[in-house]
Amino acid sequence: MSFQFDLLEDKVEFFQATDLKALEKRINEQIDINKAIMLAVHSVSHQMHVDENGRTFYSAVVHFKAKR
């Protein structure tokens, strides 16, 4: 039996929350987790949506890349 380890080069993660503070907290927690596997934030894209009842939803896409 042989093991082969490949480095994770890219990782894209999606986040959503009902308020901006919770969204930021989730992203920061995942940044800390991904640091352990040598990934750093490459880019962040975010969006806000208001539904027909006036509730706001926040979402973000974070692209992590291997540190070089």
Protein backbone atom coordinates (compact mmCIF):
# COMPACT_ATOMS: atom_id res chain seq x y z
CA MET A 1 0.00 0.00 0.00
CA SER A 2 1.38 3.39 -0.93
CA PHE A 3 0.28 6.84 0.05
CA GLN A 4 0.50 9.87 -2.16
CA PHE A 5 0.05 13.35 -0.78
CA ASP A 6 -0.86 16.19 -3.11
CA LEU A 7 -0.79 19.78 -2.02
CA LEU A 8 -4.05 21.65 -2.18
CA GLU A 9 -3.41 24.53 -4.59
CA ASP A 10 -6.81 26.26 -4.69
CA LYS A 11 -9.91 26.17 -2.56
CA VAL A 12 -13.13 28.16 -2.98
CA GLU A 13 -15.56 28.44 -0.08
CA PHE A 14 -19.02 29.98 0.14
CA PHE A 15 -20.47 31.68 3.21
CA GLN A 16 -23.85 33.16 4.08
CA ALA A 17 -25.38 34.90 7.09
CA THR A 18 -28.21 37.19 8.05
CA ASP A 19 -25.89 39.92 9.33
CA LEU A 20 -22.50 41.22 8.33
CA LYS A 21 -20.85 40.58 11.70
CA ALA A 22 -21.76 36.86 11.62
CA LEU A 23 -20.51 36.57 8.04
CA GLU A 24 -17.20 38.16 8.97
CA LYS A 25 -16.84 35.84 11.97
CA ARG A 26 -17.41 32.73 9.83
CA ILE A 27 -14.89 33.87 7.23
CA ASN A 28 -12.25 34.69 9.87
CA GLU A 29 -12.70 31.28 11.50
CA GLN A 30 -12.18 29.56 8.16
CA ILE A 31 -9.11 31.70 7.41
CA ASP A 32 -7.53 30.42 10.63
CA ILE A 33 -8.36 26.82 9.72
CA ASN A 34 -6.95 27.18 6.21
CA LYS A 35 -3.72 28.72 7.51
CA ALA A 36 -2.98 25.30 9.04
CA ILE A 37 -2.99 23.75 5.56
CA MET A 38 -0.87 26.57 4.11
CA LEU A 39 -3.64 28.39 2.25
CA ALA A 40 -3.99 32.16 2.17
CA VAL A 41 -6.82 34.40 0.96
CA HIS A 42 -6.43 35.24 -2.71
CA SER A 43 -9.70 37.10 -3.25
CA VAL A 44 -13.06 37.82 -1.63
CA SER A 45 -16.33 38.62 -3.34
CA HIS A 46 -19.46 39.53 -1.40
CA GLN A 47 -23.07 40.38 -2.04
CA MET A 48 -26.14 41.56 -0.14
CA HIS A 49 -29.71 40.63 -0.96
CA VAL A 50 -32.98 42.00 0.43
CA ASP A 51 -35.99 39.71 0.08
CA GLU A 52 -39.61 40.79 -0.41
CA ASN A 53 -40.12 40.92 3.38
CA GLY A 54 -37.23 43.33 3.89
CA ARG A 55 -34.84 40.77 5.41
CA THR A 56 -31.22 41.08 4.40
CA PHE A 57 -28.95 38.19 3.50
CA TYR A 58 -25.21 38.45 3.06
CA SER A 59 -23.07 36.04 1.12
CA ALA A 60 -19.40 35.82 0.29
CA VAL A 61 -17.10 33.71 -1.85
CA VAL A 62 -13.53 33.38 -0.62
CA HIS A 63 -10.82 32.02 -2.90
CA PHE A 64 -7.87 30.52 -1.04
CA LYS A 65 -4.54 29.77 -2.74
CA ALA A 66 -1.42 27.96 -1.62
CA LYS A 67 1.24 30.17 -0.08
CA ARG A 68 4.37 30.34 -2.25
